[in-house]
């Protein structure tokens, strides 16, 4: 049971992204069918699909941070000695975490202190704070995932490679093996 909970927590962003993607695509498909075939639509459908897409985008950013797949300029660090490269990576990740945590503070303040309680979504009537809650949530979880990757890389000495780099390495390995056989 504990293993299952750890697996779910470790892949939570992935599950949420999959659910949101399927949800808003199906919702938009239903809207298209209703409009084109029945000359009707769900009044709240487009709005909810938009909010689901926004949540999907932010959770996708969190998932990219977990996978260490965010676009970053690190090529210049390769020219330095390994210890300097490692130090620069740590500093840049800490700056990123600092920015995220500052944004968590600002967005939390906006959602819970500055947002008018009467701001409601146009068609659903739901308080907007529930939709804007993704801002502090996503940046907080992104910071946690960045710190997890930093711990894995610099304390546990595990190699954290984003999926794109892993695929490139696999293709290079396959190409080298093919060349050796010829």
C-alpha atoms as a PDB file:
ATOM      1  CA  UNK A   1       0.000   0.000   0.000  1.00  0.00           C
ATOM      2  CA  UNK A   2       2.829   2.385   0.887  1.00  0.00           C
ATOM      3  CA  UNK A   3       4.571   1.638  -2.422  1.00  0.00           C
ATOM      4  CA  UNK A   4       1.366   2.419  -4.309  1.00  0.00           C
ATOM      5  CA  UNK A   5       0.983   5.760  -2.544  1.00  0.00           C
ATOM      6  CA  UNK A   6       4.614   6.644  -3.268  1.00  0.00           C
ATOM      7  CA  UNK A   7       4.136   5.728  -6.932  1.00  0.00           C
ATOM      8  CA  UNK A   8       0.971   7.831  -7.177  1.00  0.00           C
ATOM      9  CA  UNK A   9       2.678  10.802  -5.489  1.00  0.00           C
ATOM     10  CA  UNK A  10       5.744  10.450  -7.703  1.00  0.00           C
ATOM     11  CA  UNK A  11       3.601  10.474 -10.849  1.00  0.00           C
ATOM     12  CA  UNK A  12       0.852  12.825  -9.663  1.00  0.00           C
ATOM     13  CA  UNK A  13       1.631  15.573 -12.185  1.00  0.00           C
ATOM     14  CA  UNK A  14       1.557  13.038 -14.998  1.00  0.00           C
ATOM     15  CA  UNK A  15      -1.841  11.690 -13.921  1.00  0.00           C
ATOM     16  CA  UNK A  16      -3.293  15.177 -13.508  1.00  0.00           C
ATOM     17  CA  UNK A  17      -1.997  16.256 -16.928  1.00  0.00           C
ATOM     18  CA  UNK A  18      -3.436  13.158 -18.584  1.00  0.00           C
ATOM     19  CA  UNK A  19      -6.809  13.688 -16.923  1.00  0.00           C
ATOM     20  CA  UNK A  20      -6.956  17.396 -17.812  1.00  0.00           C
ATOM     21  CA  UNK A  21      -5.939  16.761 -21.427  1.00  0.00           C
ATOM     22  CA  UNK A  22      -8.584  14.089 -21.914  1.00  0.00           C
ATOM     23  CA  UNK A  23     -11.163  16.183 -20.060  1.00  0.00           C
ATOM     24  CA  UNK A  24     -10.796  19.377 -22.072  1.00  0.00           C
ATOM     25  CA  UNK A  25     -10.474  17.571 -25.407  1.00  0.00           C
ATOM     26  CA  UNK A  26     -13.665  15.581 -24.748  1.00  0.00           C
ATOM     27  CA  UNK A  27     -15.430  18.720 -23.525  1.00  0.00           C
ATOM     28  CA  UNK A  28     -14.459  20.640 -26.651  1.00  0.00           C
ATOM     29  CA  UNK A  29     -15.481  17.694 -28.852  1.00  0.00           C
ATOM     30  CA  UNK A  30     -18.902  17.617 -27.159  1.00  0.00           C
ATOM     31  CA  UNK A  31     -19.216  21.362 -27.693  1.00  0.00           C
ATOM     32  CA  UNK A  32     -18.434  20.993 -31.411  1.00  0.00           C
ATOM     33  CA  UNK A  33     -20.916  18.149 -31.825  1.00  0.00           C
ATOM     34  CA  UNK A  34     -23.624  20.038 -29.945  1.00  0.00           C
ATOM     35  CA  UNK A  35     -23.093  23.191 -32.009  1.00  0.00           C
ATOM     36  CA  UNK A  36     -22.863  21.554 -35.422  1.00  0.00           C
ATOM     37  CA  UNK A  37     -25.481  18.846 -35.059  1.00  0.00           C
ATOM     38  CA  UNK A  38     -27.957  20.128 -32.487  1.00  0.00           C
ATOM     39  CA  UNK A  39     -27.472  23.925 -32.907  1.00  0.00           C
ATOM     40  CA  UNK A  40     -26.979  24.158 -29.158  1.00  0.00           C
ATOM     41  CA  UNK A  41     -24.094  24.129 -26.702  1.00  0.00           C
ATOM     42  CA  UNK A  42     -23.215  23.952 -23.057  1.00  0.00           C
ATOM     43  CA  UNK A  43     -23.073  27.528 -21.821  1.00  0.00           C
ATOM     44  CA  UNK A  44     -20.212  26.721 -19.467  1.00  0.00           C
ATOM     45  CA  UNK A  45     -18.317  24.291 -21.735  1.00  0.00           C
ATOM     46  CA  UNK A  46     -15.853  26.643 -23.407  1.00  0.00           C
ATOM     47  CA  UNK A  47     -15.033  28.419 -20.168  1.00  0.00           C
ATOM     48  CA  UNK A  48     -14.388  25.199 -18.274  1.00  0.00           C
ATOM     49  CA  UNK A  49     -12.290  23.842 -21.147  1.00  0.00           C
ATOM     50  CA  UNK A  50     -10.206  27.030 -21.070  1.00  0.00           C
ATOM     51  CA  UNK A  51      -9.567  26.722 -17.334  1.00  0.00           C
ATOM     52  CA  UNK A  52      -8.735  23.025 -17.721  1.00  0.00           C
ATOM     53  CA  UNK A  53      -6.233  23.940 -20.446  1.00  0.00           C
ATOM     54  CA  UNK A  54      -4.605  26.580 -18.226  1.00  0.00           C
ATOM     55  CA  UNK A  55      -4.323  24.063 -15.375  1.00  0.00           C
ATOM     56  CA  UNK A  56      -2.933  21.528 -17.883  1.00  0.00           C
ATOM     57  CA  UNK A  57      -0.249  23.996 -19.006  1.00  0.00           C
ATOM     58  CA  UNK A  58       0.881  24.768 -15.457  1.00  0.00           C
ATOM     59  CA  UNK A  59       0.867  21.118 -14.405  1.00  0.00           C
ATOM     60  CA  UNK A  60       2.824  20.349 -17.580  1.00  0.00           C
ATOM     61  CA  UNK A  61       5.451  22.855 -16.446  1.00  0.00           C
ATOM     62  CA  UNK A  62       5.595  21.086 -13.077  1.00  0.00           C
ATOM     63  CA  UNK A  63       5.957  17.723 -14.832  1.00  0.00           C
ATOM     64  CA  UNK A  64       8.757  19.132 -17.004  1.00  0.00           C
ATOM     65  CA  UNK A  65      10.552  20.309 -13.849  1.00  0.00           C
ATOM     66  CA  UNK A  66      10.167  16.838 -12.357  1.00  0.00           C
ATOM     67  CA  UNK A  67      11.638  15.293 -15.520  1.00  0.00           C
ATOM     68  CA  UNK A  68      14.396  17.939 -15.573  1.00  0.00           C
ATOM     69  CA  UNK A  69      13.179  18.798 -19.072  1.00  0.00           C
ATOM     70  CA  UNK A  70      12.798  22.580 -18.919  1.00  0.00           C
ATOM     71  CA  UNK A  71      14.695  24.491 -21.585  1.00  0.00           C
ATOM     72  CA  UNK A  72      17.815  25.878 -20.004  1.00  0.00           C
ATOM     73  CA  UNK A  73      21.017  27.323 -21.345  1.00  0.00           C
ATOM     74  CA  UNK A  74      23.753  25.183 -19.794  1.00  0.00           C
ATOM     75  CA  UNK A  75      26.041  24.659 -22.778  1.00  0.00           C
ATOM     76  CA  UNK A  76      28.479  27.350 -21.622  1.00  0.00           C
ATOM     77  CA  UNK A  77      29.064  25.482 -18.353  1.00  0.00           C
ATOM     78  CA  UNK A  78      30.658  22.570 -20.271  1.00  0.00           C
ATOM     79  CA  UNK A  79      33.758  24.704 -20.895  1.00  0.00           C
ATOM     80  CA  UNK A  80      34.480  25.028 -17.174  1.00  0.00           C
ATOM     81  CA  UNK A  81      36.015  22.437 -14.848  1.00  0.00           C
ATOM     82  CA  UNK A  82      33.451  19.978 -13.464  1.00  0.00           C
ATOM     83  CA  UNK A  83      33.306  21.606 -10.017  1.00  0.00           C
ATOM     84  CA  UNK A  84      32.607  25.038 -11.543  1.00  0.00           C
ATOM     85  CA  UNK A  85      29.943  23.519 -13.811  1.00  0.00           C
ATOM     86  CA  UNK A  86      28.323  21.857 -10.804  1.00  0.00           C
ATOM     87  CA  UNK A  87      28.464  25.103  -8.783  1.00  0.00           C
ATOM     88  CA  UNK A  88      26.902  27.110 -11.642  1.00  0.00           C
ATOM     89  CA  UNK A  89      24.110  24.540 -12.026  1.00  0.00           C
ATOM     90  CA  UNK A  90      23.393  24.658  -8.288  1.00  0.00           C
ATOM     91  CA  UNK A  91      23.335  28.467  -8.270  1.00  0.00           C
ATOM     92  CA  UNK A  92      21.050  28.649 -11.322  1.00  0.00           C
ATOM     93  CA  UNK A  93      18.671  26.074  -9.810  1.00  0.00           C
ATOM     94  CA  UNK A  94      18.585  27.961  -6.503  1.00  0.00           C
ATOM     95  CA  UNK A  95      17.819  31.206  -8.346  1.00  0.00           C
ATOM     96  CA  UNK A  96      15.008  29.374 -10.161  1.00  0.00           C
ATOM     97  CA  UNK A  97      13.635  28.056  -6.856  1.00  0.00           C
ATOM     98  CA  UNK A  98      13.927  31.547  -5.346  1.00  0.00           C
ATOM     99  CA  UNK A  99      11.942  33.025  -8.233  1.00  0.00           C
ATOM    100  CA  UNK A 100       9.307  30.297  -7.908  1.00  0.00           C
ATOM    101  CA  UNK A 101       8.933  30.808  -4.164  1.00  0.00           C
ATOM    102  CA  UNK A 102       8.636  34.563  -4.614  1.00  0.00           C
ATOM    103  CA  UNK A 103       5.935  33.929  -7.218  1.00  0.00           C
ATOM    104  CA  UNK A 104       4.212  31.552  -4.779  1.00  0.00           C
ATOM    105  CA  UNK A 105       4.153  34.383  -2.249  1.00  0.00           C
ATOM    106  CA  UNK A 106       2.804  36.917  -4.769  1.00  0.00           C
ATOM    107  CA  UNK A 107       0.174  34.607  -6.229  1.00  0.00           C
ATOM    108  CA  UNK A 108      -0.953  33.359  -2.807  1.00  0.00           C
ATOM    109  CA  UNK A 109      -1.335  36.958  -1.690  1.00  0.00           C
ATOM    110  CA  UNK A 110      -3.318  37.744  -4.841  1.00  0.00           C
ATOM    111  CA  UNK A 111      -5.610  34.707  -4.618  1.00  0.00           C
ATOM    112  CA  UNK A 112      -6.342  34.823  -0.898  1.00  0.00           C
ATOM    113  CA  UNK A 113      -5.908  38.464   0.079  1.00  0.00           C
ATOM    114  CA  UNK A 114      -6.352  40.771  -2.899  1.00  0.00           C
ATOM    115  CA  UNK A 115      -8.839  38.967  -5.104  1.00  0.00           C
ATOM    116  CA  UNK A 116     -12.354  40.267  -4.749  1.00  0.00           C
ATOM    117  CA  UNK A 117     -14.547  37.537  -3.249  1.00  0.00           C
ATOM    118  CA  UNK A 118     -17.293  38.530  -5.654  1.00  0.00           C
ATOM    119  CA  UNK A 119     -15.199  37.718  -8.764  1.00  0.00           C
ATOM    120  CA  UNK A 120     -16.928  34.726 -10.234  1.00  0.00           C
ATOM    121  CA  UNK A 121     -16.558  32.895 -13.514  1.00  0.00           C
ATOM    122  CA  UNK A 122     -18.840  34.232 -16.229  1.00  0.00           C
ATOM    123  CA  UNK A 123     -20.967  31.193 -16.961  1.00  0.00           C
ATOM    124  CA  UNK A 124     -20.423  28.812 -14.058  1.00  0.00           C
ATOM    125  CA  UNK A 125     -20.609  31.269 -11.174  1.00  0.00           C
ATOM    126  CA  UNK A 126     -17.659  29.628  -9.402  1.00  0.00           C
ATOM    127  CA  UNK A 127     -15.353  31.958  -7.420  1.00  0.00           C
ATOM    128  CA  UNK A 128     -12.300  32.761  -9.546  1.00  0.00           C
ATOM    129  CA  UNK A 129      -9.920  31.984  -6.673  1.00  0.00           C
ATOM    130  CA  UNK A 130     -10.428  28.261  -7.380  1.00  0.00           C
ATOM    131  CA  UNK A 131      -9.164  28.683 -10.925  1.00  0.00           C
ATOM    132  CA  UNK A 132      -6.291  30.978  -9.928  1.00  0.00           C
ATOM    133  CA  UNK A 133      -5.237  28.560  -7.198  1.00  0.00           C
ATOM    134  CA  UNK A 134      -3.098  26.805  -9.816  1.00  0.00           C
ATOM    135  CA  UNK A 135      -0.567  29.654  -9.639  1.00  0.00           C
ATOM    136  CA  UNK A 136       0.751  29.188  -6.087  1.00  0.00           C
ATOM    137  CA  UNK A 137       0.170  25.438  -6.263  1.00  0.00           C
ATOM    138  CA  UNK A 138       2.118  24.874  -9.485  1.00  0.00           C
ATOM    139  CA  UNK A 139       5.066  27.058  -8.540  1.00  0.00           C
ATOM    140  CA  UNK A 140       5.300  25.470  -5.082  1.00  0.00           C
ATOM    141  CA  UNK A 141       5.261  21.921  -6.442  1.00  0.00           C
ATOM    142  CA  UNK A 142       7.706  22.947  -9.194  1.00  0.00           C
ATOM    143  CA  UNK A 143      10.103  24.198  -6.524  1.00  0.00           C
ATOM    144  CA  UNK A 144       9.780  20.906  -4.653  1.00  0.00           C
ATOM    145  CA  UNK A 145      10.538  18.935  -7.825  1.00  0.00           C
ATOM    146  CA  UNK A 146      13.556  21.114  -8.626  1.00  0.00           C
ATOM    147  CA  UNK A 147      14.893  20.569  -5.099  1.00  0.00           C
ATOM    148  CA  UNK A 148      14.276  16.807  -5.458  1.00  0.00           C
ATOM    149  CA  UNK A 149      16.318  16.782  -8.666  1.00  0.00           C
ATOM    150  CA  UNK A 150      19.070  18.815  -7.033  1.00  0.00           C
ATOM    151  CA  UNK A 151      19.173  16.350  -4.133  1.00  0.00           C
ATOM    152  CA  UNK A 152      19.317  13.388  -6.518  1.00  0.00           C
ATOM    153  CA  UNK A 153      22.089  14.973  -8.608  1.00  0.00           C
ATOM    154  CA  UNK A 154      24.293  16.565  -5.997  1.00  0.00           C
ATOM    155  CA  UNK A 155      23.748  14.507  -2.835  1.00  0.00           C
ATOM    156  CA  UNK A 156      22.814  11.052  -4.115  1.00  0.00           C
ATOM    157  CA  UNK A 157      25.120  11.445  -7.164  1.00  0.00           C
ATOM    158  CA  UNK A 158      22.451  10.058  -9.482  1.00  0.00           C
ATOM    159  CA  UNK A 159      22.400  11.133 -13.072  1.00  0.00           C
ATOM    160  CA  UNK A 160      19.218  13.091 -13.823  1.00  0.00           C
ATOM    161  CA  UNK A 161      18.760  13.283 -17.578  1.00  0.00           C
ATOM    162  CA  UNK A 162      15.798  14.803 -19.319  1.00  0.00           C
ATOM    163  CA  UNK A 163      13.963  12.453 -21.719  1.00  0.00           C
ATOM    164  CA  UNK A 164      15.154  14.296 -24.817  1.00  0.00           C
ATOM    165  CA  UNK A 165      18.839  13.978 -23.879  1.00  0.00           C
ATOM    166  CA  UNK A 166      18.302  10.328 -22.955  1.00  0.00           C
ATOM    167  CA  UNK A 167      16.771   9.665 -26.381  1.00  0.00           C
ATOM    168  CA  UNK A 168      19.669  11.435 -28.123  1.00  0.00           C
ATOM    169  CA  UNK A 169      22.183   9.339 -26.164  1.00  0.00           C
ATOM    170  CA  UNK A 170      20.284   6.165 -27.072  1.00  0.00           C
ATOM    171  CA  UNK A 171      20.267   7.119 -30.764  1.00  0.00           C
ATOM    172  CA  UNK A 172      24.006   7.863 -30.663  1.00  0.00           C
ATOM    173  CA  UNK A 173      24.674   4.532 -28.950  1.00  0.00           C
ATOM    174  CA  UNK A 174      22.626   2.687 -31.574  1.00  0.00           C
ATOM    175  CA  UNK A 175      24.410   4.530 -34.378  1.00  0.00           C
ATOM    176  CA  UNK A 176      27.837   3.673 -32.890  1.00  0.00           C
ATOM    177  CA  UNK A 177      26.869   0.013 -32.541  1.00  0.00           C
ATOM    178  CA  UNK A 178      25.676  -0.037 -36.159  1.00  0.00           C
ATOM    179  CA  UNK A 179      28.941   1.537 -37.345  1.00  0.00           C
ATOM    180  CA  UNK A 180      31.008  -0.967 -35.371  1.00  0.00           C
ATOM    181  CA  UNK A 181      29.143  -3.884 -36.971  1.00  0.00           C
ATOM    182  CA  UNK A 182      29.750  -2.559 -40.502  1.00  0.00           C
END
